[in-house]
């Protein structure tokens, strides 16, 4: 699908917290880093400090698993709730 018609990014993954879908994240490996382009929370999900810290730790773990130096967050990577 052309980029301008996508609701989420080309590489968007579902983001689970236990068995609950809390968002979608667009990330990819680029130049030795895990590039995090965007995070879209699901309706009714707050991205408070604690949740963002847990997401950051998990992204660091994924970066290590992928052989990356760590995550790199693009400006404006946390998007608005779609309510």
PDB file of N, CA and C in Angstrom:
ATOM      1  N   UNK A   1       0.842  -1.172   0.000  1.00  0.00           N
ATOM      2  CA  UNK A   1       0.000   0.000   0.000  1.00  0.00           C
ATOM      3  C   UNK A   1       0.890   1.238   0.000  1.00  0.00           C
ATOM      4  N   UNK A   2       0.566   2.251  -0.788  1.00  0.00           N
ATOM      5  CA  UNK A   2       1.381   3.471  -0.804  1.00  0.00           C
ATOM      6  C   UNK A   2       1.421   4.123   0.584  1.00  0.00           C
ATOM      7  N   UNK A   3       2.546   4.740   0.911  1.00  0.00           N
ATOM      8  CA  UNK A   3       2.751   5.300   2.245  1.00  0.00           C
ATOM      9  C   UNK A   3       1.646   6.277   2.656  1.00  0.00           C
ATOM     10  N   UNK A   4       1.191   7.108   1.751  1.00  0.00           N
ATOM     11  CA  UNK A   4       0.175   8.109   2.102  1.00  0.00           C
ATOM     12  C   UNK A   4      -1.184   7.489   2.451  1.00  0.00           C
ATOM     13  N   UNK A   5      -1.397   6.220   2.110  1.00  0.00           N
ATOM     14  CA  UNK A   5      -2.660   5.548   2.418  1.00  0.00           C
ATOM     15  C   UNK A   5      -2.564   4.654   3.659  1.00  0.00           C
ATOM     16  N   UNK A   6      -1.381   4.499   4.220  1.00  0.00           N
ATOM     17  CA  UNK A   6      -1.202   3.635   5.391  1.00  0.00           C
ATOM     18  C   UNK A   6      -1.674   4.340   6.658  1.00  0.00           C
ATOM     19  N   UNK A   7      -2.353   3.594   7.501  1.00  0.00           N
ATOM     20  CA  UNK A   7      -2.735   4.129   8.814  1.00  0.00           C
ATOM     21  C   UNK A   7      -1.545   4.033   9.768  1.00  0.00           C
ATOM     22  N   UNK A   8      -0.768   2.973   9.604  1.00  0.00           N
ATOM     23  CA  UNK A   8       0.424   2.742  10.405  1.00  0.00           C
ATOM     24  C   UNK A   8       1.598   2.619   9.452  1.00  0.00           C
ATOM     25  N   UNK A   9       2.785   2.489   9.992  1.00  0.00           N
ATOM     26  CA  UNK A   9       3.968   2.367   9.158  1.00  0.00           C
ATOM     27  C   UNK A   9       4.050   1.028   8.445  1.00  0.00           C
ATOM     28  N   UNK A  10       4.989   0.919   7.536  1.00  0.00           N
ATOM     29  CA  UNK A  10       5.185  -0.298   6.753  1.00  0.00           C
ATOM     30  C   UNK A  10       5.606  -1.462   7.640  1.00  0.00           C
ATOM     31  N   UNK A  11       6.391  -1.190   8.667  1.00  0.00           N
ATOM     32  CA  UNK A  11       6.900  -2.239   9.558  1.00  0.00           C
ATOM     33  C   UNK A  11       6.215  -2.197  10.921  1.00  0.00           C
ATOM     34  N   UNK A  12       4.939  -1.920  10.986  1.00  0.00           N
ATOM     35  CA  UNK A  12       4.233  -1.797  12.262  1.00  0.00           C
ATOM     36  C   UNK A  12       4.001  -3.173  12.887  1.00  0.00           C
ATOM     37  N   UNK A  13       4.330  -3.263  14.176  1.00  0.00           N
ATOM     38  CA  UNK A  13       4.139  -4.477  14.957  1.00  0.00           C
ATOM     39  C   UNK A  13       3.111  -4.210  16.048  1.00  0.00           C
ATOM     40  N   UNK A  14       2.349  -5.222  16.413  1.00  0.00           N
ATOM     41  CA  UNK A  14       1.429  -5.085  17.531  1.00  0.00           C
ATOM     42  C   UNK A  14       2.236  -5.060  18.819  1.00  0.00           C
ATOM     43  N   UNK A  15       1.806  -4.226  19.739  1.00  0.00           N
ATOM     44  CA  UNK A  15       2.484  -4.067  21.015  1.00  0.00           C
ATOM     45  C   UNK A  15       1.560  -4.620  22.105  1.00  0.00           C
ATOM     46  N   UNK A  16       2.006  -5.702  22.731  1.00  0.00           N
ATOM     47  CA  UNK A  16       1.196  -6.376  23.745  1.00  0.00           C
ATOM     48  C   UNK A  16       1.746  -6.111  25.135  1.00  0.00           C
ATOM     49  N   UNK A  17       0.828  -6.016  26.085  1.00  0.00           N
ATOM     50  CA  UNK A  17       1.177  -5.954  27.501  1.00  0.00           C
ATOM     51  C   UNK A  17       0.404  -7.094  28.144  1.00  0.00           C
ATOM     52  N   UNK A  18       1.076  -8.205  28.385  1.00  0.00           N
ATOM     53  CA  UNK A  18       0.382  -9.426  28.778  1.00  0.00           C
ATOM     54  C   UNK A  18      -0.408  -9.933  27.587  1.00  0.00           C
ATOM     55  N   UNK A  19      -1.719 -10.061  27.743  1.00  0.00           N
ATOM     56  CA  UNK A  19      -2.547 -10.504  26.622  1.00  0.00           C
ATOM     57  C   UNK A  19      -3.375  -9.353  26.038  1.00  0.00           C
ATOM     58  N   UNK A  20      -3.043  -8.117  26.405  1.00  0.00           N
ATOM     59  CA  UNK A  20      -3.782  -6.931  25.962  1.00  0.00           C
ATOM     60  C   UNK A  20      -3.007  -6.176  24.894  1.00  0.00           C
ATOM     61  N   UNK A  21      -3.698  -5.842  23.805  1.00  0.00           N
ATOM     62  CA  UNK A  21      -3.107  -5.000  22.765  1.00  0.00           C
ATOM     63  C   UNK A  21      -3.123  -3.561  23.256  1.00  0.00           C
ATOM     64  N   UNK A  22      -1.939  -2.953  23.410  1.00  0.00           N
ATOM     65  CA  UNK A  22      -1.867  -1.582  23.920  1.00  0.00           C
ATOM     66  C   UNK A  22      -1.423  -0.585  22.854  1.00  0.00           C
ATOM     67  N   UNK A  23      -0.939  -1.077  21.720  1.00  0.00           N
ATOM     68  CA  UNK A  23      -0.523  -0.149  20.671  1.00  0.00           C
ATOM     69  C   UNK A  23       0.107  -0.868  19.503  1.00  0.00           C
ATOM     70  N   UNK A  24       0.599  -0.048  18.597  1.00  0.00           N
ATOM     71  CA  UNK A  24       1.325  -0.536  17.422  1.00  0.00           C
ATOM     72  C   UNK A  24       2.581   0.310  17.296  1.00  0.00           C
ATOM     73  N   UNK A  25       3.653  -0.349  16.882  1.00  0.00           N
ATOM     74  CA  UNK A  25       4.935   0.343  16.832  1.00  0.00           C
ATOM     75  C   UNK A  25       5.603   0.090  15.485  1.00  0.00           C
ATOM     76  N   UNK A  26       6.175   1.132  14.939  1.00  0.00           N
ATOM     77  CA  UNK A  26       6.903   1.055  13.671  1.00  0.00           C
ATOM     78  C   UNK A  26       8.383   1.195  13.992  1.00  0.00           C
ATOM     79  N   UNK A  27       9.118   0.111  13.801  1.00  0.00           N
ATOM     80  CA  UNK A  27      10.551   0.116  14.092  1.00  0.00           C
ATOM     81  C   UNK A  27      11.255  -0.756  13.068  1.00  0.00           C
ATOM     82  N   UNK A  28      12.513  -0.451  12.835  1.00  0.00           N
ATOM     83  CA  UNK A  28      13.314  -1.248  11.912  1.00  0.00           C
ATOM     84  C   UNK A  28      14.787  -1.067  12.248  1.00  0.00           C
ATOM     85  N   UNK A  29      15.563  -2.005  11.797  1.00  0.00           N
ATOM     86  CA  UNK A  29      17.015  -1.942  11.990  1.00  0.00           C
ATOM     87  C   UNK A  29      17.591  -1.037  10.912  1.00  0.00           C
ATOM     88  N   UNK A  30      18.356  -0.042  11.351  1.00  0.00           N
ATOM     89  CA  UNK A  30      18.938   0.910  10.406  1.00  0.00           C
ATOM     90  C   UNK A  30      20.277   1.402  10.950  1.00  0.00           C
ATOM     91  N   UNK A  31      21.319   1.225  10.175  1.00  0.00           N
ATOM     92  CA  UNK A  31      22.660   1.727  10.506  1.00  0.00           C
ATOM     93  C   UNK A  31      23.108   1.311  11.905  1.00  0.00           C
ATOM     94  N   UNK A  32      22.865   0.034  12.252  1.00  0.00           N
ATOM     95  CA  UNK A  32      23.324  -0.495  13.524  1.00  0.00           C
ATOM     96  C   UNK A  32      22.483  -0.106  14.723  1.00  0.00           C
ATOM     97  N   UNK A  33      21.367   0.545  14.504  1.00  0.00           N
ATOM     98  CA  UNK A  33      20.464   0.938  15.593  1.00  0.00           C
ATOM     99  C   UNK A  33      19.074   0.401  15.305  1.00  0.00           C
ATOM    100  N   UNK A  34      18.275   0.279  16.333  1.00  0.00           N
ATOM    101  CA  UNK A  34      16.864  -0.042  16.178  1.00  0.00           C
ATOM    102  C   UNK A  34      16.138   1.296  16.075  1.00  0.00           C
ATOM    103  N   UNK A  35      15.750   1.671  14.876  1.00  0.00           N
ATOM    104  CA  UNK A  35      15.105   2.952  14.629  1.00  0.00           C
ATOM    105  C   UNK A  35      13.618   2.837  14.955  1.00  0.00           C
ATOM    106  N   UNK A  36      13.168   3.600  15.942  1.00  0.00           N
ATOM    107  CA  UNK A  36      11.765   3.599  16.343  1.00  0.00           C
ATOM    108  C   UNK A  36      11.123   4.840  15.735  1.00  0.00           C
ATOM    109  N   UNK A  37      10.296   4.610  14.716  1.00  0.00           N
ATOM    110  CA  UNK A  37       9.684   5.710  13.980  1.00  0.00           C
ATOM    111  C   UNK A  37       8.413   6.228  14.630  1.00  0.00           C
ATOM    112  N   UNK A  38       7.566   5.309  15.149  1.00  0.00           N
ATOM    113  CA  UNK A  38       6.280   5.751  15.686  1.00  0.00           C
ATOM    114  C   UNK A  38       5.685   4.703  16.612  1.00  0.00           C
ATOM    115  N   UNK A  39       4.919   5.177  17.570  1.00  0.00           N
ATOM    116  CA  UNK A  39       4.142   4.337  18.471  1.00  0.00           C
ATOM    117  C   UNK A  39       2.736   4.923  18.530  1.00  0.00           C
ATOM    118  N   UNK A  40       1.749   4.107  18.154  1.00  0.00           N
ATOM    119  CA  UNK A  40       0.347   4.518  18.202  1.00  0.00           C
ATOM    120  C   UNK A  40      -0.340   3.740  19.312  1.00  0.00           C
ATOM    121  N   UNK A  41      -0.756   4.397  20.395  1.00  0.00           N
ATOM    122  CA  UNK A  41      -1.487   3.680  21.443  1.00  0.00           C
ATOM    123  C   UNK A  41      -2.896   3.330  20.968  1.00  0.00           C
ATOM    124  N   UNK A  42      -3.429   2.235  21.479  1.00  0.00           N
ATOM    125  CA  UNK A  42      -4.808   1.854  21.184  1.00  0.00           C
ATOM    126  C   UNK A  42      -5.762   2.772  21.940  1.00  0.00           C
ATOM    127  N   UNK A  43      -6.994   2.794  21.506  1.00  0.00           N
ATOM    128  CA  UNK A  43      -8.019   3.599  22.184  1.00  0.00           C
ATOM    129  C   UNK A  43      -8.081   3.217  23.655  1.00  0.00           C
ATOM    130  N   UNK A  44      -8.140   4.231  24.511  1.00  0.00           N
ATOM    131  CA  UNK A  44      -8.264   3.998  25.939  1.00  0.00           C
ATOM    132  C   UNK A  44      -6.968   3.666  26.655  1.00  0.00           C
ATOM    133  N   UNK A  45      -5.856   3.629  25.948  1.00  0.00           N
ATOM    134  CA  UNK A  45      -4.561   3.299  26.563  1.00  0.00           C
ATOM    135  C   UNK A  45      -3.787   4.598  26.810  1.00  0.00           C
ATOM    136  N   UNK A  46      -3.401   4.801  28.069  1.00  0.00           N
ATOM    137  CA  UNK A  46      -2.570   5.949  28.434  1.00  0.00           C
ATOM    138  C   UNK A  46      -1.106   5.544  28.382  1.00  0.00           C
ATOM    139  N   UNK A  47      -0.303   6.394  27.815  1.00  0.00           N
ATOM    140  CA  UNK A  47       1.142   6.146  27.778  1.00  0.00           C
ATOM    141  C   UNK A  47       1.796   6.971  28.876  1.00  0.00           C
ATOM    142  N   UNK A  48       1.616   6.505  30.099  1.00  0.00           N
ATOM    143  CA  UNK A  48       2.215   7.180  31.242  1.00  0.00           C
ATOM    144  C   UNK A  48       3.700   6.877  31.344  1.00  0.00           C
ATOM    145  N   UNK A  49       4.329   7.502  32.317  1.00  0.00           N
ATOM    146  CA  UNK A  49       5.772   7.364  32.511  1.00  0.00           C
ATOM    147  C   UNK A  49       6.190   5.903  32.697  1.00  0.00           C
ATOM    148  N   UNK A  50       5.471   5.173  33.552  1.00  0.00           N
ATOM    149  CA  UNK A  50       5.816   3.771  33.815  1.00  0.00           C
ATOM    150  C   UNK A  50       5.717   2.909  32.563  1.00  0.00           C
ATOM    151  N   UNK A  51       4.644   3.070  31.816  1.00  0.00           N
ATOM    152  CA  UNK A  51       4.470   2.270  30.598  1.00  0.00           C
ATOM    153  C   UNK A  51       5.560   2.619  29.579  1.00  0.00           C
ATOM    154  N   UNK A  52       5.861   3.902  29.402  1.00  0.00           N
ATOM    155  CA  UNK A  52       6.914   4.285  28.445  1.00  0.00           C
ATOM    156  C   UNK A  52       8.276   3.761  28.871  1.00  0.00           C
ATOM    157  N   UNK A  53       8.539   3.714  30.177  1.00  0.00           N
ATOM    158  CA  UNK A  53       9.804   3.144  30.658  1.00  0.00           C
ATOM    159  C   UNK A  53       9.879   1.656  30.340  1.00  0.00           C
ATOM    160  N   UNK A  54       8.787   0.925  30.549  1.00  0.00           N
ATOM    161  CA  UNK A  54       8.759  -0.509  30.228  1.00  0.00           C
ATOM    162  C   UNK A  54       8.952  -0.735  28.735  1.00  0.00           C
ATOM    163  N   UNK A  55       8.321   0.092  27.919  1.00  0.00           N
ATOM    164  CA  UNK A  55       8.482  -0.024  26.465  1.00  0.00           C
ATOM    165  C   UNK A  55       9.937   0.241  26.090  1.00  0.00           C
ATOM    166  N   UNK A  56      10.542   1.254  26.697  1.00  0.00           N
ATOM    167  CA  UNK A  56      11.944   1.573  26.422  1.00  0.00           C
ATOM    168  C   UNK A  56      12.880   0.423  26.777  1.00  0.00           C
ATOM    169  N   UNK A  57      12.638  -0.219  27.923  1.00  0.00           N
ATOM    170  CA  UNK A  57      13.464  -1.363  28.321  1.00  0.00           C
ATOM    171  C   UNK A  57      13.298  -2.526  27.340  1.00  0.00           C
ATOM    172  N   UNK A  58      12.069  -2.765  26.925  1.00  0.00           N
ATOM    173  CA  UNK A  58      11.822  -3.852  25.972  1.00  0.00           C
ATOM    174  C   UNK A  58      12.461  -3.548  24.619  1.00  0.00           C
ATOM    175  N   UNK A  59      12.424  -2.302  24.190  1.00  0.00           N
ATOM    176  CA  UNK A  59      13.066  -1.934  22.925  1.00  0.00           C
ATOM    177  C   UNK A  59      14.584  -2.097  23.009  1.00  0.00           C
ATOM    178  N   UNK A  60      15.164  -1.807  24.168  1.00  0.00           N
ATOM    179  CA  UNK A  60      16.604  -2.027  24.349  1.00  0.00           C
ATOM    180  C   UNK A  60      16.927  -3.513  24.258  1.00  0.00           C
ATOM    181  N   UNK A  61      16.052  -4.356  24.826  1.00  0.00           N
ATOM    182  CA  UNK A  61      16.245  -5.808  24.752  1.00  0.00           C
ATOM    183  C   UNK A  61      16.133  -6.299  23.313  1.00  0.00           C
ATOM    184  N   UNK A  62      15.153  -5.798  22.577  1.00  0.00           N
ATOM    185  CA  UNK A  62      14.981  -6.172  21.169  1.00  0.00           C
ATOM    186  C   UNK A  62      16.186  -5.720  20.356  1.00  0.00           C
ATOM    187  N   UNK A  63      16.689  -4.528  20.639  1.00  0.00           N
ATOM    188  CA  UNK A  63      17.867  -4.020  19.925  1.00  0.00           C
ATOM    189  C   UNK A  63      19.056  -4.962  20.135  1.00  0.00           C
ATOM    190  N   UNK A  64      19.302  -5.395  21.365  1.00  0.00           N
ATOM    191  CA  UNK A  64      20.399  -6.330  21.639  1.00  0.00           C
ATOM    192  C   UNK A  64      20.192  -7.635  20.882  1.00  0.00           C
ATOM    193  N   UNK A  65      18.954  -8.142  20.897  1.00  0.00           N
ATOM    194  CA  UNK A  65      18.636  -9.385  20.198  1.00  0.00           C
ATOM    195  C   UNK A  65      18.935  -9.267  18.700  1.00  0.00           C
ATOM    196  N   UNK A  66      18.680  -8.082  18.135  1.00  0.00           N
ATOM    197  CA  UNK A  66      18.895  -7.852  16.699  1.00  0.00           C
ATOM    198  C   UNK A  66      20.336  -7.470  16.371  1.00  0.00           C
ATOM    199  N   UNK A  67      21.193  -7.412  17.394  1.00  0.00           N
ATOM    200  CA  UNK A  67      22.582  -7.041  17.164  1.00  0.00           C
ATOM    201  C   UNK A  67      22.787  -5.552  16.964  1.00  0.00           C
ATOM    202  N   UNK A  68      21.863  -4.745  17.469  1.00  0.00           N
ATOM    203  CA  UNK A  68      21.964  -3.287  17.349  1.00  0.00           C
ATOM    204  C   UNK A  68      22.587  -2.696  18.606  1.00  0.00           C
ATOM    205  N   UNK A  69      23.127  -1.490  18.466  1.00  0.00           N
ATOM    206  CA  UNK A  69      23.701  -0.783  19.608  1.00  0.00           C
ATOM    207  C   UNK A  69      22.633  -0.377  20.611  1.00  0.00           C
ATOM    208  N   UNK A  70      21.433  -0.113  20.157  1.00  0.00           N
ATOM    209  CA  UNK A  70      20.343   0.300  21.025  1.00  0.00           C
ATOM    210  C   UNK A  70      19.259   0.950  20.207  1.00  0.00           C
ATOM    211  N   UNK A  71      18.175   1.363  20.862  1.00  0.00           N
ATOM    212  CA  UNK A  71      17.106   2.024  20.125  1.00  0.00           C
ATOM    213  C   UNK A  71      17.429   3.498  19.876  1.00  0.00           C
ATOM    214  N   UNK A  72      16.955   3.996  18.761  1.00  0.00           N
ATOM    215  CA  UNK A  72      17.063   5.417  18.415  1.00  0.00           C
ATOM    216  C   UNK A  72      15.650   5.885  18.105  1.00  0.00           C
ATOM    217  N   UNK A  73      15.169   6.872  18.845  1.00  0.00           N
ATOM    218  CA  UNK A  73      13.792   7.339  18.721  1.00  0.00           C
ATOM    219  C   UNK A  73      13.728   8.575  17.826  1.00  0.00           C
ATOM    220  N   UNK A  74      12.899   8.521  16.793  1.00  0.00           N
ATOM    221  CA  UNK A  74      12.718   9.673  15.916  1.00  0.00           C
ATOM    222  C   UNK A  74      11.875  10.721  16.628  1.00  0.00           C
ATOM    223  N   UNK A  75      12.061  11.981  16.263  1.00  0.00           N
ATOM    224  CA  UNK A  75      11.247  13.054  16.844  1.00  0.00           C
ATOM    225  C   UNK A  75       9.773  12.765  16.600  1.00  0.00           C
ATOM    226  N   UNK A  76       8.959  12.971  17.625  1.00  0.00           N
ATOM    227  CA  UNK A  76       7.527  12.763  17.505  1.00  0.00           C
ATOM    228  C   UNK A  76       7.121  11.304  17.402  1.00  0.00           C
ATOM    229  N   UNK A  77       7.938  10.404  17.934  1.00  0.00           N
ATOM    230  CA  UNK A  77       7.660   8.974  17.785  1.00  0.00           C
ATOM    231  C   UNK A  77       6.410   8.540  18.529  1.00  0.00           C
ATOM    232  N   UNK A  78       6.037   9.210  19.612  1.00  0.00           N
ATOM    233  CA  UNK A  78       4.794   8.876  20.321  1.00  0.00           C
ATOM    234  C   UNK A  78       3.671   9.662  19.654  1.00  0.00           C
ATOM    235  N   UNK A  79       2.720   8.941  19.069  1.00  0.00           N
ATOM    236  CA  UNK A  79       1.619   9.574  18.343  1.00  0.00           C
ATOM    237  C   UNK A  79       0.391   9.701  19.249  1.00  0.00           C
ATOM    238  N   UNK A  80      -0.581  10.424  18.784  1.00  0.00           N
ATOM    239  CA  UNK A  80      -1.816  10.671  19.533  1.00  0.00           C
ATOM    240  C   UNK A  80      -2.695   9.418  19.561  1.00  0.00           C
ATOM    241  N   UNK A  81      -3.498   9.292  20.618  1.00  0.00           N
ATOM    242  CA  UNK A  81      -4.544   8.278  20.657  1.00  0.00           C
ATOM    243  C   UNK A  81      -5.530   8.566  19.525  1.00  0.00           C
ATOM    244  N   UNK A  82      -6.061   7.510  18.951  1.00  0.00           N
ATOM    245  CA  UNK A  82      -7.035   7.664  17.867  1.00  0.00           C
ATOM    246  C   UNK A  82      -8.440   7.544  18.437  1.00  0.00           C
ATOM    247  N   UNK A  83      -8.846   8.471  19.282  1.00  0.00           N
ATOM    248  CA  UNK A  83     -10.179   8.390  19.909  1.00  0.00           C
ATOM    249  C   UNK A  83     -11.149   9.301  19.217  1.00  0.00           C
TER     250      UNK A  83
END
